[in-house]
Protein backbone atom coordinates (compact mmCIF):
# COMPACT_ATOMS: atom_id res chain seq x y z
CA MET A 1 0.00 0.00 0.00
CA ASN A 2 1.21 3.50 -0.78
CA PRO A 3 1.51 5.57 2.40
CA SER A 4 -0.11 8.55 0.64
CA SER A 5 -3.33 6.57 0.31
CA THR A 6 -3.79 6.54 4.10
CA HIS A 7 -3.54 9.06 6.91
CA SER A 8 -0.47 11.21 6.20
CA PRO A 9 2.63 9.64 7.73
CA ILE A 10 5.58 11.19 9.52
CA GLY A 11 8.65 10.83 7.32
CA VAL A 12 11.93 9.89 8.98
CA PHE A 13 15.34 9.42 7.35
CA ASP A 14 18.96 8.69 8.15
CA SER A 15 22.01 7.38 6.36
CA GLY A 16 21.40 4.01 7.99
CA VAL A 17 20.11 2.40 11.17
CA GLY A 18 20.97 5.26 13.51
CA GLY A 19 17.69 7.06 12.95
CA LEU A 20 15.91 4.05 14.42
CA SER A 21 16.86 5.48 17.82
CA VAL A 22 14.72 8.50 16.91
CA LEU A 23 11.97 6.37 15.39
CA ARG A 24 11.81 4.40 18.64
CA ALA A 25 11.23 7.65 20.54
CA LEU A 26 8.63 8.81 17.99
CA ARG A 27 6.71 5.54 18.36
CA ALA A 28 6.63 6.05 22.14
CA GLU A 29 5.67 9.73 21.98
CA LEU A 30 3.19 9.48 19.08
CA PRO A 31 1.72 5.96 19.21
CA GLY A 32 -1.16 6.75 16.85
CA GLN A 33 0.85 8.14 13.96
CA PRO A 34 1.82 6.23 10.81
CA LEU A 35 5.53 6.42 9.99
CA ILE A 36 7.71 5.97 6.93
CA TYR A 37 11.44 5.44 7.45
CA ILE A 38 14.20 5.61 4.85
CA ALA A 39 17.75 4.36 5.44
CA ASP A 40 20.15 5.56 2.75
CA GLN A 41 22.52 2.66 3.32
CA ALA A 42 23.92 2.96 -0.20
CA HIS A 43 25.70 6.06 1.10
CA VAL A 44 26.27 5.28 4.79
CA PRO A 45 27.98 6.89 6.64
CA TYR A 46 27.11 10.50 5.86
CA GLY A 47 29.49 11.90 8.47
CA PRO A 48 32.75 11.92 6.45
CA ARG A 49 31.07 13.05 3.20
CA PRO A 50 31.19 16.64 1.88
CA LEU A 51 28.29 18.76 3.11
CA GLU A 52 27.13 19.47 -0.46
CA GLU A 53 26.82 15.75 -1.17
CA VAL A 54 24.84 15.09 2.01
CA ARG A 55 22.60 18.04 1.14
CA ALA A 56 21.83 16.54 -2.28
CA PHE A 57 21.00 13.12 -0.82
CA SER A 58 18.76 14.73 1.81
CA GLU A 59 16.83 16.67 -0.81
CA GLY A 60 16.27 13.54 -2.92
CA ILE A 61 15.00 11.59 0.08
CA THR A 62 12.74 14.44 1.15
CA ARG A 63 11.17 14.61 -2.32
CA PHE A 64 10.40 10.89 -2.11
CA LEU A 65 8.86 11.28 1.37
CA ILE A 66 6.68 14.16 0.21
CA ASP A 67 5.56 12.09 -2.78
CA GLN A 68 4.47 9.44 -0.26
CA GLY A 69 2.32 12.02 1.52
CA ALA A 70 4.55 12.85 4.50
CA ARG A 71 3.06 15.64 6.61
CA LEU A 72 6.26 16.25 8.59
CA VAL A 73 9.86 15.16 8.00
CA VAL A 74 12.23 14.23 10.82
CA VAL A 75 15.85 14.46 9.72
CA ALA A 76 17.00 11.73 12.10
CA CYS A 77 20.67 12.20 11.27
CA ASN A 78 23.00 14.77 12.80
CA ALA A 79 25.18 14.96 9.69
CA ALA A 80 22.18 15.55 7.41
CA SER A 81 20.75 18.11 9.83
CA ALA A 82 24.06 19.97 9.89
CA ALA A 83 24.41 19.88 6.12
CA ALA A 84 20.86 20.24 4.89
CA LEU A 85 18.24 21.31 7.44
CA SER A 86 18.33 24.99 6.54
CA SER A 87 18.24 24.33 2.78
CA LEU A 88 15.45 21.75 3.14
CA ARG A 89 13.27 24.29 4.93
CA SER A 90 13.92 26.80 2.14
CA THR A 91 13.34 24.29 -0.67
CA PHE A 92 10.17 22.77 0.84
CA PRO A 93 8.52 25.66 2.72
CA ALA A 94 5.15 23.88 3.01
CA ILE A 95 6.62 20.96 4.98
CA PRO A 96 7.62 21.24 8.65
CA PHE A 97 11.00 19.72 9.52
CA VAL A 98 12.47 18.51 12.79
CA GLY A 99 16.22 18.03 12.86
CA MET A 100 18.95 16.88 15.19
CA GLU A 101 20.82 19.44 17.26
CA PRO A 102 23.70 18.36 19.51
CA ALA A 103 22.45 18.62 23.10
CA VAL A 104 25.13 21.08 24.16
CA LYS A 105 22.64 23.33 25.99
CA PRO A 106 21.36 20.77 28.55
CA ALA A 107 24.87 19.39 28.92
CA ALA A 108 26.32 22.82 29.67
CA GLU A 109 23.49 23.66 32.07
CA ASN A 110 23.90 20.46 34.09
CA SER A 111 27.62 19.77 34.04
CA ALA A 112 29.14 20.16 37.48
CA SER A 113 32.72 19.93 36.21
CA ARG A 114 32.05 22.31 33.27
CA VAL A 115 33.74 19.77 30.99
CA VAL A 116 31.53 18.11 28.36
CA ALA A 117 32.42 15.37 25.87
CA VAL A 118 30.76 15.61 22.45
CA LEU A 119 30.79 12.55 20.20
CA ALA A 120 29.78 13.32 16.62
CA THR A 121 30.79 12.86 12.99
CA PRO A 122 32.92 15.30 10.97
CA ALA A 123 29.91 16.70 9.07
CA THR A 124 28.22 17.65 12.34
CA PHE A 125 31.29 19.39 13.74
CA GLN A 126 31.82 21.24 10.43
CA GLY A 127 28.23 22.47 10.15
CA ALA A 128 26.93 25.92 11.03
CA LEU A 129 24.29 24.36 13.29
CA TYR A 130 26.87 23.01 15.72
CA ALA A 131 28.84 26.26 15.66
CA SER A 132 25.66 28.17 16.50
CA VAL A 133 24.81 25.87 19.41
CA VAL A 134 28.31 26.19 20.81
CA GLU A 135 28.29 29.97 20.48
CA ARG A 136 24.90 30.30 22.21
CA PHE A 137 25.17 27.76 25.00
CA ALA A 138 28.74 26.69 25.72
CA ASN A 139 30.11 29.81 27.36
CA GLY A 140 32.34 28.86 30.26
CA VAL A 141 32.24 25.17 29.35
CA THR A 142 35.14 23.15 27.95
CA LEU A 143 33.93 21.00 25.04
CA LEU A 144 36.01 17.93 24.21
CA GLN A 145 35.19 16.71 20.70
CA ASP A 146 35.82 13.39 18.96
CA THR A 147 34.59 11.91 15.67
CA CYS A 148 34.82 8.26 16.83
CA PRO A 149 36.23 6.93 13.52
CA GLY A 150 34.71 3.59 12.58
CA LEU A 151 31.92 3.61 15.19
CA VAL A 152 29.03 4.20 12.78
CA ALA A 153 30.21 1.37 10.52
CA GLU A 154 30.52 -0.98 13.49
CA ILE A 155 26.97 -0.18 14.63
CA GLU A 156 25.66 -0.61 11.08
CA ASN A 157 27.20 -4.07 11.08
CA GLY A 158 25.54 -5.00 14.36
CA GLY A 159 28.65 -4.77 16.51
CA LEU A 160 26.98 -3.18 19.51
CA LYS A 161 29.06 -5.17 22.00
CA SER A 162 32.06 -6.09 19.88
CA ARG A 163 35.64 -5.73 21.01
CA HIS A 164 36.25 -3.24 18.22
CA THR A 165 33.34 -1.06 19.33
CA ARG A 166 34.53 -1.16 22.94
CA ARG A 167 38.05 -0.25 21.80
CA ILE A 168 36.79 2.73 19.75
CA LEU A 169 34.76 4.02 22.70
CA ALA A 170 37.50 3.44 25.25
CA GLN A 171 40.09 5.26 23.11
CA THR A 172 37.64 8.13 22.71
CA LEU A 173 36.25 8.43 26.23
CA GLU A 174 39.16 7.65 28.52
CA PRO A 175 41.19 10.80 27.65
CA MET A 176 38.00 12.90 27.99
CA LEU A 177 37.18 11.41 31.38
CA ALA A 178 40.76 12.04 32.48
CA GLN A 179 40.21 15.72 31.69
CA GLY A 180 37.14 15.82 33.94
CA ALA A 181 34.24 15.28 31.56
CA ASP A 182 31.09 14.45 33.54
CA THR A 183 28.63 14.59 30.63
CA VAL A 184 28.65 12.88 27.23
CA VAL A 185 26.62 14.36 24.37
CA LEU A 186 25.67 11.91 21.64
CA GLY A 187 25.87 13.92 18.41
CA CYS A 188 25.05 11.02 16.07
CA THR A 189 21.80 9.05 16.05
CA HIS A 190 23.72 5.77 15.77
CA TYR A 191 25.41 6.26 19.13
CA PRO A 192 22.42 5.71 21.48
CA PHE A 193 22.56 2.04 20.53
CA VAL A 194 25.89 1.73 22.36
CA ILE A 195 24.86 3.66 25.48
CA PRO A 196 25.32 0.51 27.63
CA LEU A 197 28.97 0.31 26.56
CA ILE A 198 29.47 4.04 27.05
CA GLU A 199 28.04 3.81 30.56
CA GLN A 200 30.27 0.84 31.38
CA ILE A 201 33.36 2.74 30.30
CA ALA A 202 32.37 6.12 31.77
CA GLY A 203 31.03 4.87 35.10
CA PRO A 204 28.00 5.89 37.15
CA GLY A 205 29.05 9.48 37.74
CA VAL A 206 28.84 10.47 34.06
CA ARG A 207 25.60 11.53 32.40
CA VAL A 208 24.95 10.40 28.83
CA ILE A 209 22.49 12.53 26.83
CA ASP A 210 20.37 10.83 24.15
CA PRO A 211 18.62 13.57 22.13
CA ALA A 212 15.92 11.29 20.65
CA PRO A 213 13.19 11.88 23.29
CA ALA A 214 13.51 15.66 22.92
CA VAL A 215 13.25 15.33 19.13
CA ALA A 216 10.09 13.25 19.49
CA ARG A 217 8.56 15.86 21.80
CA GLN A 218 9.35 18.58 19.27
CA ALA A 219 7.67 16.53 16.53
CA ARG A 220 4.58 16.25 18.73
CA ARG A 221 4.50 20.02 19.30
CA MET A 222 4.75 20.71 15.57
CA LEU A 223 1.99 18.24 14.76
CA GLU A 224 -0.27 19.66 17.45
CA ASN A 225 0.07 23.05 15.74
CA SER A 226 -0.67 21.66 12.26
CA SER A 227 -3.98 21.66 10.38
CA GLU A 228 -4.28 17.85 10.43
CA PRO A 229 -5.05 16.62 13.96
CA LEU A 230 -3.07 13.97 15.75
CA ARG A 231 -4.58 10.52 15.55
CA PRO A 232 -5.56 8.92 18.85
CA ALA A 233 -3.68 5.77 19.81
CA PRO A 234 -5.45 3.04 17.80
CA SER A 235 -6.58 -0.37 19.01
CA THR A 236 -4.37 -1.88 16.31
CA PRO A 237 -0.85 -0.66 15.50
CA PRO A 238 -0.63 2.16 12.92
CA ARG A 239 0.91 1.45 9.55
CA GLU A 240 4.67 1.77 9.27
CA TRP A 241 6.78 1.55 6.14
CA PHE A 242 10.52 0.89 6.01
CA TYR A 243 12.81 1.33 3.02
CA THR A 244 16.54 1.08 2.41
CA THR A 245 18.81 1.89 -0.50
CA GLY A 246 20.98 -0.98 0.71
CA ASP A 247 20.20 -4.60 1.57
CA PRO A 248 16.57 -5.07 2.78
CA GLN A 249 17.40 -8.34 4.59
CA LYS A 250 20.23 -6.71 6.49
CA PHE A 251 17.98 -3.82 7.46
CA SER A 252 15.21 -6.20 8.57
CA LYS A 253 17.75 -7.85 10.87
CA ALA A 254 18.69 -4.44 12.28
CA LEU A 255 15.03 -3.68 13.00
CA ARG A 256 14.77 -6.88 15.02
CA GLU A 257 18.02 -6.41 16.89
CA LEU A 258 17.89 -2.67 17.56
CA ILE A 259 14.21 -1.93 18.25
CA GLN A 260 12.68 -5.43 18.44
CA LEU A 261 10.42 -4.86 15.44
CA GLU A 262 9.41 -7.32 12.72
CA ALA A 263 8.46 -5.47 9.54
CA PRO A 264 8.87 -5.81 5.78
CA VAL A 265 11.53 -3.60 4.21
CA GLY A 266 11.25 -2.21 0.69
CA GLN A 267 14.12 -1.53 -1.70
CA LEU A 268 14.78 1.96 -3.08
CA HIS A 269 17.23 2.92 -5.82
CA TRP A 270 19.08 6.11 -6.66
CA ARG A 271 18.87 7.27 -10.26
CA GLY A 272 21.18 10.22 -10.23
CA LEU A 273 19.89 12.25 -7.30
CA THR A 274 16.33 10.95 -7.62
CA LEU A 275 15.09 8.23 -5.29
CA SER A 276 12.56 5.69 -6.54
CA ALA A 277 11.19 2.22 -5.81
């Protein structure tokens, strides 16, 4: 069934499985809303790619989501938000967007040591969005930044507890903890899936901030202010559609392992910068 033939869905996209951490929060916050999720696994990870390239992919995905009837688009990817959120809002002014913003503000407000670790990809650190957040909210706070090379790929491959994942996180976090970091900001939607490992390495005195619940609350606020009312929680689950530009079987496995969901996954293809089934 085409999503546009039913109640308008919320569109969600990421370079891969990371956005499922946001989708999980959306399902909890908005249990009555249909959802359509796109994983651009043909191009994962977005983080090391040039901003212009990520912007082009984001626009192509957004056009596909709008063609499917999406009433709101959640850019569930920090790299895509950094590269494309502003241009998406300009290009598609009739569609509301919710993006990812590194949670520097709550981290700075609540850090006792005034030292905050930020884990994100290069595209996020290079974007104007991150620079703006730092300028507005990080006064008097030392920000320790790391791009965690290889971590997104390891999570995409299901290595949530692997030795390699633990090594990446330990090499990243231990120097930050030694400098007094008491808060860890997750600036990539893949990273919440390794929170248990982060907490093991960091210890009980360190706060780890997952931005997904705040993003879901913002999506709710935007929908409550829209012309189409929120659907009440139904007696049967709402429709959800999942697509990948990569391997549907691999993505189906990720759905089961990451958010305990069994669902069919459709295949999408890039033709130039146009996305189609």
